[in-house]
Amino acid sequence: MKVRYTDTAATEVEEILEFISRHNRVAAVRLNARLEQTVGILADFPDMAQMSDEPGVRRMPVGRYPLLVFYTVESNEVVILHVRHTAREPL
């Protein structure tokens, strides 16, 4: 399945990686790799993640990192809506 990030999600990922990179560039590279792996799994198995409180929106944890990927499936596409730290307010 094809994967598409919304502008909001792309900005969130960029901000997360920039913040981590300021403190530890290697950690940012590892997180980015794990995030790409997680999204790749969603492309292959889009219905595997838990449903969120929002109708039609699923959430997938990013490995051992305190991040959640919120997404929906539209036609033949996984649409990444948000990538958020678990300590932030829910959507």
PDB file of N, CA and C in Angstrom:
ATOM      1  N   MET A   1       0.837  -1.174   0.000  1.00  0.00           N
ATOM      2  CA  MET A   1       0.000   0.000   0.000  1.00  0.00           C
ATOM      3  C   MET A   1       0.890   1.249   0.000  1.00  0.00           C
ATOM      4  N   LYS A   2       0.437   2.269  -0.643  1.00  0.00           N
ATOM      5  CA  LYS A   2       1.151   3.540  -0.679  1.00  0.00           C
ATOM      6  C   LYS A   2       0.997   4.258   0.665  1.00  0.00           C
ATOM      7  N   VAL A   3       2.010   5.036   1.055  1.00  0.00           N
ATOM      8  CA  VAL A   3       1.969   5.812   2.296  1.00  0.00           C
ATOM      9  C   VAL A   3       2.108   7.287   1.940  1.00  0.00           C
ATOM     10  N   ARG A   4       1.278   8.101   2.591  1.00  0.00           N
ATOM     11  CA  ARG A   4       1.343   9.554   2.382  1.00  0.00           C
ATOM     12  C   ARG A   4       1.284  10.248   3.736  1.00  0.00           C
ATOM     13  N   TYR A   5       2.179  11.202   3.954  1.00  0.00           N
ATOM     14  CA  TYR A   5       2.159  12.016   5.167  1.00  0.00           C
ATOM     15  C   TYR A   5       1.379  13.294   4.898  1.00  0.00           C
ATOM     16  N   THR A   6       0.529  13.680   5.834  1.00  0.00           N
ATOM     17  CA  THR A   6      -0.089  14.999   5.730  1.00  0.00           C
ATOM     18  C   THR A   6       0.998  16.037   6.010  1.00  0.00           C
ATOM     19  N   ASP A   7       0.740  17.274   5.644  1.00  0.00           N
ATOM     20  CA  ASP A   7       1.707  18.340   5.933  1.00  0.00           C
ATOM     21  C   ASP A   7       1.963  18.441   7.433  1.00  0.00           C
ATOM     22  N   THR A   8       0.905  18.272   8.216  1.00  0.00           N
ATOM     23  CA  THR A   8       1.027  18.336   9.674  1.00  0.00           C
ATOM     24  C   THR A   8       1.951  17.249  10.185  1.00  0.00           C
ATOM     25  N   ALA A   9       1.753  16.021   9.740  1.00  0.00           N
ATOM     26  CA  ALA A   9       2.578  14.900  10.189  1.00  0.00           C
ATOM     27  C   ALA A   9       4.033  15.090   9.770  1.00  0.00           C
ATOM     28  N   ALA A  10       4.259  15.534   8.547  1.00  0.00           N
ATOM     29  CA  ALA A  10       5.626  15.755   8.069  1.00  0.00           C
ATOM     30  C   ALA A  10       6.329  16.812   8.911  1.00  0.00           C
ATOM     31  N   THR A  11       5.612  17.868   9.262  1.00  0.00           N
ATOM     32  CA  THR A  11       6.175  18.918  10.108  1.00  0.00           C
ATOM     33  C   THR A  11       6.477  18.381  11.503  1.00  0.00           C
ATOM     34  N   GLU A  12       5.579  17.571  12.050  1.00  0.00           N
ATOM     35  CA  GLU A  12       5.803  16.994  13.375  1.00  0.00           C
ATOM     36  C   GLU A  12       7.048  16.118  13.390  1.00  0.00           C
ATOM     37  N   VAL A  13       7.218  15.292  12.381  1.00  0.00           N
ATOM     38  CA  VAL A  13       8.405  14.424  12.294  1.00  0.00           C
ATOM     39  C   VAL A  13       9.665  15.278  12.205  1.00  0.00           C
ATOM     40  N   GLU A  14       9.635  16.275  11.364  1.00  0.00           N
ATOM     41  CA  GLU A  14      10.783  17.161  11.200  1.00  0.00           C
ATOM     42  C   GLU A  14      11.147  17.834  12.527  1.00  0.00           C
ATOM     43  N   GLU A  15      10.165  18.329  13.236  1.00  0.00           N
ATOM     44  CA  GLU A  15      10.422  19.005  14.516  1.00  0.00           C
ATOM     45  C   GLU A  15      10.977  18.041  15.565  1.00  0.00           C
ATOM     46  N   ILE A  16      10.432  16.837  15.620  1.00  0.00           N
ATOM     47  CA  ILE A  16      10.912  15.834  16.576  1.00  0.00           C
ATOM     48  C   ILE A  16      12.369  15.495  16.290  1.00  0.00           C
ATOM     49  N   LEU A  17      12.677  15.235  15.023  1.00  0.00           N
ATOM     50  CA  LEU A  17      14.045  14.857  14.654  1.00  0.00           C
ATOM     51  C   LEU A  17      15.028  16.008  14.862  1.00  0.00           C
ATOM     52  N   GLU A  18      14.614  17.224  14.570  1.00  0.00           N
ATOM     53  CA  GLU A  18      15.480  18.389  14.809  1.00  0.00           C
ATOM     54  C   GLU A  18      15.784  18.546  16.292  1.00  0.00           C
ATOM     55  N   PHE A  19      14.774  18.403  17.128  1.00  0.00           N
ATOM     56  CA  PHE A  19      14.963  18.545  18.577  1.00  0.00           C
ATOM     57  C   PHE A  19      15.950  17.500  19.090  1.00  0.00           C
ATOM     58  N   ILE A  20      15.746  16.262  18.714  1.00  0.00           N
ATOM     59  CA  ILE A  20      16.623  15.185  19.186  1.00  0.00           C
ATOM     60  C   ILE A  20      18.028  15.361  18.622  1.00  0.00           C
ATOM     61  N   SER A  21      18.127  15.770  17.384  1.00  0.00           N
ATOM     62  CA  SER A  21      19.423  15.944  16.734  1.00  0.00           C
ATOM     63  C   SER A  21      20.278  17.000  17.429  1.00  0.00           C
ATOM     64  N   ARG A  22      19.654  18.013  17.989  1.00  0.00           N
ATOM     65  CA  ARG A  22      20.405  19.046  18.715  1.00  0.00           C
ATOM     66  C   ARG A  22      21.152  18.457  19.903  1.00  0.00           C
ATOM     67  N   HIS A  23      20.601  17.413  20.487  1.00  0.00           N
ATOM     68  CA  HIS A  23      21.196  16.798  21.668  1.00  0.00           C
ATOM     69  C   HIS A  23      22.003  15.548  21.332  1.00  0.00           C
ATOM     70  N   ASN A  24      21.559  14.804  20.302  1.00  0.00           N
ATOM     71  CA  ASN A  24      22.218  13.540  19.981  1.00  0.00           C
ATOM     72  C   ASN A  24      21.861  13.158  18.542  1.00  0.00           C
ATOM     73  N   ARG A  25      22.775  13.457  17.632  1.00  0.00           N
ATOM     74  CA  ARG A  25      22.530  13.217  16.209  1.00  0.00           C
ATOM     75  C   ARG A  25      22.333  11.729  15.903  1.00  0.00           C
ATOM     76  N   VAL A  26      23.096  10.869  16.566  1.00  0.00           N
ATOM     77  CA  VAL A  26      22.977   9.423  16.339  1.00  0.00           C
ATOM     78  C   VAL A  26      21.593   8.929  16.757  1.00  0.00           C
ATOM     79  N   ALA A  27      21.090   9.429  17.871  1.00  0.00           N
ATOM     80  CA  ALA A  27      19.756   9.039  18.337  1.00  0.00           C
ATOM     81  C   ALA A  27      18.681   9.467  17.335  1.00  0.00           C
ATOM     82  N   ALA A  28      18.851  10.631  16.745  1.00  0.00           N
ATOM     83  CA  ALA A  28      17.882  11.110  15.748  1.00  0.00           C
ATOM     84  C   ALA A  28      17.885  10.210  14.513  1.00  0.00           C
ATOM     85  N   VAL A  29      19.059   9.786  14.089  1.00  0.00           N
ATOM     86  CA  VAL A  29      19.167   8.890  12.929  1.00  0.00           C
ATOM     87  C   VAL A  29      18.498   7.556  13.245  1.00  0.00           C
ATOM     88  N   ARG A  30      18.733   7.036  14.444  1.00  0.00           N
ATOM     89  CA  ARG A  30      18.113   5.765  14.846  1.00  0.00           C
ATOM     90  C   ARG A  30      16.590   5.886  14.925  1.00  0.00           C
ATOM     91  N   LEU A  31      16.121   6.981  15.495  1.00  0.00           N
ATOM     92  CA  LEU A  31      14.681   7.190  15.582  1.00  0.00           C
ATOM     93  C   LEU A  31      14.062   7.277  14.192  1.00  0.00           C
ATOM     94  N   ASN A  32      14.695   7.994  13.297  1.00  0.00           N
ATOM     95  CA  ASN A  32      14.178   8.122  11.941  1.00  0.00           C
ATOM     96  C   ASN A  32      14.105   6.750  11.260  1.00  0.00           C
ATOM     97  N   ALA A  33      15.120   5.932  11.457  1.00  0.00           N
ATOM     98  CA  ALA A  33      15.120   4.588  10.869  1.00  0.00           C
ATOM     99  C   ALA A  33      13.987   3.752  11.447  1.00  0.00           C
ATOM    100  N   ARG A  34      13.772   3.844  12.760  1.00  0.00           N
ATOM    101  CA  ARG A  34      12.695   3.071  13.392  1.00  0.00           C
ATOM    102  C   ARG A  34      11.333   3.563  12.938  1.00  0.00           C
ATOM    103  N   LEU A  35      11.193   4.866  12.781  1.00  0.00           N
ATOM    104  CA  LEU A  35       9.931   5.432  12.297  1.00  0.00           C
ATOM    105  C   LEU A  35       9.642   4.947  10.880  1.00  0.00           C
ATOM    106  N   GLU A  36      10.657   4.953  10.022  1.00  0.00           N
ATOM    107  CA  GLU A  36      10.476   4.466   8.653  1.00  0.00           C
ATOM    108  C   GLU A  36      10.117   2.980   8.650  1.00  0.00           C
ATOM    109  N   GLN A  37      10.717   2.218   9.542  1.00  0.00           N
ATOM    110  CA  GLN A  37      10.399   0.794   9.640  1.00  0.00           C
ATOM    111  C   GLN A  37       8.947   0.596  10.070  1.00  0.00           C
ATOM    112  N   THR A  38       8.514   1.359  11.059  1.00  0.00           N
ATOM    113  CA  THR A  38       7.138   1.269  11.546  1.00  0.00           C
ATOM    114  C   THR A  38       6.140   1.610  10.442  1.00  0.00           C
ATOM    115  N   VAL A  39       6.394   2.682   9.729  1.00  0.00           N
ATOM    116  CA  VAL A  39       5.503   3.091   8.641  1.00  0.00           C
ATOM    117  C   VAL A  39       5.519   2.047   7.521  1.00  0.00           C
ATOM    118  N   GLY A  40       6.670   1.439   7.280  1.00  0.00           N
ATOM    119  CA  GLY A  40       6.745   0.374   6.288  1.00  0.00           C
ATOM    120  C   GLY A  40       5.887  -0.825   6.663  1.00  0.00           C
ATOM    121  N   ILE A  41       5.865  -1.154   7.942  1.00  0.00           N
ATOM    122  CA  ILE A  41       5.010  -2.244   8.421  1.00  0.00           C
ATOM    123  C   ILE A  41       3.540  -1.887   8.203  1.00  0.00           C
ATOM    124  N   LEU A  42       3.193  -0.629   8.479  1.00  0.00           N
ATOM    125  CA  LEU A  42       1.808  -0.195   8.268  1.00  0.00           C
ATOM    126  C   LEU A  42       1.409  -0.285   6.797  1.00  0.00           C
ATOM    127  N   ALA A  43       2.358  -0.015   5.916  1.00  0.00           N
ATOM    128  CA  ALA A  43       2.067  -0.113   4.486  1.00  0.00           C
ATOM    129  C   ALA A  43       1.707  -1.547   4.108  1.00  0.00           C
ATOM    130  N   ASP A  44       2.373  -2.513   4.753  1.00  0.00           N
ATOM    131  CA  ASP A  44       2.107  -3.924   4.460  1.00  0.00           C
ATOM    132  C   ASP A  44       0.893  -4.472   5.206  1.00  0.00           C
ATOM    133  N   PHE A  45       0.679  -3.984   6.425  1.00  0.00           N
ATOM    134  CA  PHE A  45      -0.408  -4.481   7.282  1.00  0.00           C
ATOM    135  C   PHE A  45      -1.171  -3.302   7.891  1.00  0.00           C
ATOM    136  N   PRO A  46      -1.941  -2.580   7.107  1.00  0.00           N
ATOM    137  CA  PRO A  46      -2.557  -1.338   7.573  1.00  0.00           C
ATOM    138  C   PRO A  46      -3.599  -1.497   8.685  1.00  0.00           C
ATOM    139  N   ASP A  47      -4.162  -2.690   8.851  1.00  0.00           N
ATOM    140  CA  ASP A  47      -5.192  -2.871   9.865  1.00  0.00           C
ATOM    141  C   ASP A  47      -4.654  -3.455  11.170  1.00  0.00           C
ATOM    142  N   MET A  48      -3.338  -3.527  11.321  1.00  0.00           N
ATOM    143  CA  MET A  48      -2.768  -4.204  12.479  1.00  0.00           C
ATOM    144  C   MET A  48      -2.777  -3.354  13.757  1.00  0.00           C
ATOM    145  N   ALA A  49      -2.805  -2.049  13.639  1.00  0.00           N
ATOM    146  CA  ALA A  49      -2.691  -1.177  14.811  1.00  0.00           C
ATOM    147  C   ALA A  49      -4.038  -1.001  15.513  1.00  0.00           C
ATOM    148  N   GLN A  50      -3.943  -0.548  16.734  1.00  0.00           N
ATOM    149  CA  GLN A  50      -5.113  -0.338  17.586  1.00  0.00           C
ATOM    150  C   GLN A  50      -5.908   0.882  17.120  1.00  0.00           C
ATOM    151  N   MET A  51      -7.221   0.787  17.210  1.00  0.00           N
ATOM    152  CA  MET A  51      -8.072   1.939  16.905  1.00  0.00           C
ATOM    153  C   MET A  51      -7.894   2.987  18.000  1.00  0.00           C
ATOM    154  N   SER A  52      -7.913   4.246  17.605  1.00  0.00           N
ATOM    155  CA  SER A  52      -7.849   5.340  18.583  1.00  0.00           C
ATOM    156  C   SER A  52      -9.271   5.724  18.978  1.00  0.00           C
ATOM    157  N   ASP A  53      -9.397   6.753  19.788  1.00  0.00           N
ATOM    158  CA  ASP A  53     -10.724   7.242  20.183  1.00  0.00           C
ATOM    159  C   ASP A  53     -11.428   7.955  19.033  1.00  0.00           C
ATOM    160  N   GLU A  54     -10.659   8.372  18.045  1.00  0.00           N
ATOM    161  CA  GLU A  54     -11.203   9.065  16.882  1.00  0.00           C
ATOM    162  C   GLU A  54     -11.672   8.026  15.854  1.00  0.00           C
ATOM    163  N   PRO A  55     -12.918   8.086  15.408  1.00  0.00           N
ATOM    164  CA  PRO A  55     -13.423   7.096  14.444  1.00  0.00           C
ATOM    165  C   PRO A  55     -12.577   7.034  13.172  1.00  0.00           C
ATOM    166  N   GLY A  56     -12.204   5.818  12.778  1.00  0.00           N
ATOM    167  CA  GLY A  56     -11.448   5.607  11.554  1.00  0.00           C
ATOM    168  C   GLY A  56      -9.959   5.864  11.658  1.00  0.00           C
ATOM    169  N   VAL A  57      -9.496   6.266  12.831  1.00  0.00           N
ATOM    170  CA  VAL A  57      -8.078   6.581  13.016  1.00  0.00           C
ATOM    171  C   VAL A  57      -7.446   5.513  13.902  1.00  0.00           C
ATOM    172  N   ARG A  58      -6.325   4.989  13.442  1.00  0.00           N
ATOM    173  CA  ARG A  58      -5.574   3.990  14.207  1.00  0.00           C
ATOM    174  C   ARG A  58      -4.300   4.622  14.752  1.00  0.00           C
ATOM    175  N   ARG A  59      -3.718   3.965  15.772  1.00  0.00           N
ATOM    176  CA  ARG A  59      -2.464   4.471  16.334  1.00  0.00           C
ATOM    177  C   ARG A  59      -1.487   3.318  16.512  1.00  0.00           C
ATOM    178  N   MET A  60      -0.242   3.591  16.167  1.00  0.00           N
ATOM    179  CA  MET A  60       0.797   2.572  16.202  1.00  0.00           C
ATOM    180  C   MET A  60       1.994   3.128  16.961  1.00  0.00           C
ATOM    181  N   PRO A  61       2.472   2.406  17.977  1.00  0.00           N
ATOM    182  CA  PRO A  61       3.682   2.857  18.676  1.00  0.00           C
ATOM    183  C   PRO A  61       4.911   2.684  17.788  1.00  0.00           C
ATOM    184  N   VAL A  62       5.905   3.510  18.030  1.00  0.00           N
ATOM    185  CA  VAL A  62       7.155   3.472  17.266  1.00  0.00           C
ATOM    186  C   VAL A  62       8.205   2.759  18.125  1.00  0.00           C
ATOM    187  N   GLY A  63       8.163   1.444  18.113  1.00  0.00           N
ATOM    188  CA  GLY A  63       9.139   0.647  18.861  1.00  0.00           C
ATOM    189  C   GLY A  63       9.210   1.035  20.318  1.00  0.00           C
ATOM    190  N   ARG A  64      10.424   1.195  20.811  1.00  0.00           N
ATOM    191  CA  ARG A  64      10.632   1.534  22.215  1.00  0.00           C
ATOM    192  C   ARG A  64      10.565   3.038  22.481  1.00  0.00           C
ATOM    193  N   TYR A  65      10.354   3.797  21.437  1.00  0.00           N
ATOM    194  CA  TYR A  65      10.318   5.253  21.559  1.00  0.00           C
ATOM    195  C   TYR A  65       8.935   5.708  22.029  1.00  0.00           C
ATOM    196  N   PRO A  66       8.881   6.813  22.766  1.00  0.00           N
ATOM    197  CA  PRO A  66       7.582   7.298  23.263  1.00  0.00           C
ATOM    198  C   PRO A  66       6.827   8.111  22.206  1.00  0.00           C
ATOM    199  N   LEU A  67       6.626   7.498  21.052  1.00  0.00           N
ATOM    200  CA  LEU A  67       5.923   8.162  19.954  1.00  0.00           C
ATOM    201  C   LEU A  67       4.807   7.277  19.449  1.00  0.00           C
ATOM    202  N   LEU A  68       3.752   7.917  18.966  1.00  0.00           N
ATOM    203  CA  LEU A  68       2.636   7.217  18.344  1.00  0.00           C
ATOM    204  C   LEU A  68       2.413   7.792  16.948  1.00  0.00           C
ATOM    205  N   VAL A  69       2.168   6.904  15.999  1.00  0.00           N
ATOM    206  CA  VAL A  69       1.805   7.305  14.644  1.00  0.00           C
ATOM    207  C   VAL A  69       0.294   7.154  14.531  1.00  0.00           C
ATOM    208  N   PHE A  70      -0.388   8.241  14.232  1.00  0.00           N
ATOM    209  CA  PHE A  70      -1.836   8.226  14.024  1.00  0.00           C
ATOM    210  C   PHE A  70      -2.075   8.250  12.513  1.00  0.00           C
ATOM    211  N   TYR A  71      -2.912   7.331  12.053  1.00  0.00           N
ATOM    212  CA  TYR A  71      -3.123   7.225  10.615  1.00  0.00           C
ATOM    213  C   TYR A  71      -4.526   6.715  10.310  1.00  0.00           C
ATOM    214  N   THR A  72      -4.882   6.861   9.054  1.00  0.00           N
ATOM    215  CA  THR A  72      -6.127   6.322   8.544  1.00  0.00           C
ATOM    216  C   THR A  72      -5.831   5.626   7.220  1.00  0.00           C
ATOM    217  N   VAL A  73      -6.739   4.760   6.814  1.00  0.00           N
ATOM    218  CA  VAL A  73      -6.582   4.063   5.536  1.00  0.00           C
ATOM    219  C   VAL A  73      -7.667   4.576   4.604  1.00  0.00           C
ATOM    220  N   GLU A  74      -7.236   5.126   3.483  1.00  0.00           N
ATOM    221  CA  GLU A  74      -8.161   5.661   2.485  1.00  0.00           C
ATOM    222  C   GLU A  74      -7.891   4.965   1.166  1.00  0.00           C
ATOM    223  N   SER A  75      -8.868   4.244   0.683  1.00  0.00           N
ATOM    224  CA  SER A  75      -8.756   3.521  -0.586  1.00  0.00           C
ATOM    225  C   SER A  75      -7.537   2.601  -0.517  1.00  0.00           C
ATOM    226  N   ASN A  76      -6.515   2.865  -1.283  1.00  0.00           N
ATOM    227  CA  ASN A  76      -5.310   2.027  -1.299  1.00  0.00           C
ATOM    228  C   ASN A  76      -4.117   2.809  -0.768  1.00  0.00           C
ATOM    229  N   GLU A  77      -4.351   3.594   0.300  1.00  0.00           N
ATOM    230  CA  GLU A  77      -3.317   4.492   0.806  1.00  0.00           C
ATOM    231  C   GLU A  77      -3.391   4.589   2.327  1.00  0.00           C
ATOM    232  N   VAL A  78      -2.238   4.525   2.966  1.00  0.00           N
ATOM    233  CA  VAL A  78      -2.126   4.791   4.398  1.00  0.00           C
ATOM    234  C   VAL A  78      -1.771   6.262   4.531  1.00  0.00           C
ATOM    235  N   VAL A  79      -2.613   7.016   5.228  1.00  0.00           N
ATOM    236  CA  VAL A  79      -2.395   8.455   5.384  1.00  0.00           C
ATOM    237  C   VAL A  79      -1.959   8.719   6.826  1.00  0.00           C
ATOM    238  N   ILE A  80      -0.705   9.156   6.989  1.00  0.00           N
ATOM    239  CA  ILE A  80      -0.168   9.472   8.309  1.00  0.00           C
ATOM    240  C   ILE A  80      -0.689  10.859   8.687  1.00  0.00           C
ATOM    241  N   LEU A  81      -1.480  10.907   9.748  1.00  0.00           N
ATOM    242  CA  LEU A  81      -2.101  12.162  10.175  1.00  0.00           C
ATOM    243  C   LEU A  81      -1.241  12.927  11.164  1.00  0.00           C
ATOM    244  N   HIS A  82      -0.672  12.200  12.132  1.00  0.00           N
ATOM    245  CA  HIS A  82       0.147  12.811  13.187  1.00  0.00           C
ATOM    246  C   HIS A  82       1.210  11.838  13.647  1.00  0.00           C
ATOM    247  N   VAL A  83       2.320  12.378  14.115  1.00  0.00           N
ATOM    248  CA  VAL A  83       3.329  11.622  14.851  1.00  0.00           C
ATOM    249  C   VAL A  83       3.559  12.431  16.113  1.00  0.00           C
ATOM    250  N   ARG A  84       3.145  11.849  17.240  1.00  0.00           N
ATOM    251  CA  ARG A  84       3.141  12.630  18.485  1.00  0.00           C
ATOM    252  C   ARG A  84       3.830  11.885  19.616  1.00  0.00           C
ATOM    253  N   HIS A  85       4.449  12.664  20.492  1.00  0.00           N
ATOM    254  CA  HIS A  85       5.049  12.123  21.708  1.00  0.00           C
ATOM    255  C   HIS A  85       3.922  11.700  22.636  1.00  0.00           C
ATOM    256  N   THR A  86       4.107  10.596  23.335  1.00  0.00           N
ATOM    257  CA  THR A  86       3.037  10.065  24.181  1.00  0.00           C
ATOM    258  C   THR A  86       2.722  10.961  25.378  1.00  0.00           C
ATOM    259  N   ALA A  87       3.624  11.850  25.730  1.00  0.00           N
ATOM    260  CA  ALA A  87       3.370  12.755  26.852  1.00  0.00           C
ATOM    261  C   ALA A  87       2.504  13.957  26.467  1.00  0.00           C
ATOM    262  N   ARG A  88       2.294  14.149  25.168  1.00  0.00           N
ATOM    263  CA  ARG A  88       1.473  15.275  24.719  1.00  0.00           C
ATOM    264  C   ARG A  88      -0.001  14.980  24.918  1.00  0.00           C
ATOM    265  N   GLU A  89      -0.776  16.028  24.879  1.00  0.00           N
ATOM    266  CA  GLU A  89      -2.237  15.890  24.980  1.00  0.00           C
ATOM    267  C   GLU A  89      -2.743  14.986  23.865  1.00  0.00           C
ATOM    268  N   PRO A  90      -3.743  14.156  24.133  1.00  0.00           N
ATOM    269  CA  PRO A  90      -4.321  13.336  23.065  1.00  0.00           C
ATOM    270  C   PRO A  90      -4.933  14.213  21.974  1.00  0.00           C
ATOM    271  N   LEU A  91      -5.143  13.614  20.824  1.00  0.00           N
ATOM    272  CA  LEU A  91      -5.744  14.365  19.703  1.00  0.00           C
ATOM    273  C   LEU A  91      -7.136  14.820  20.055  1.00  0.00           C
TER     274      LEU A  91
END
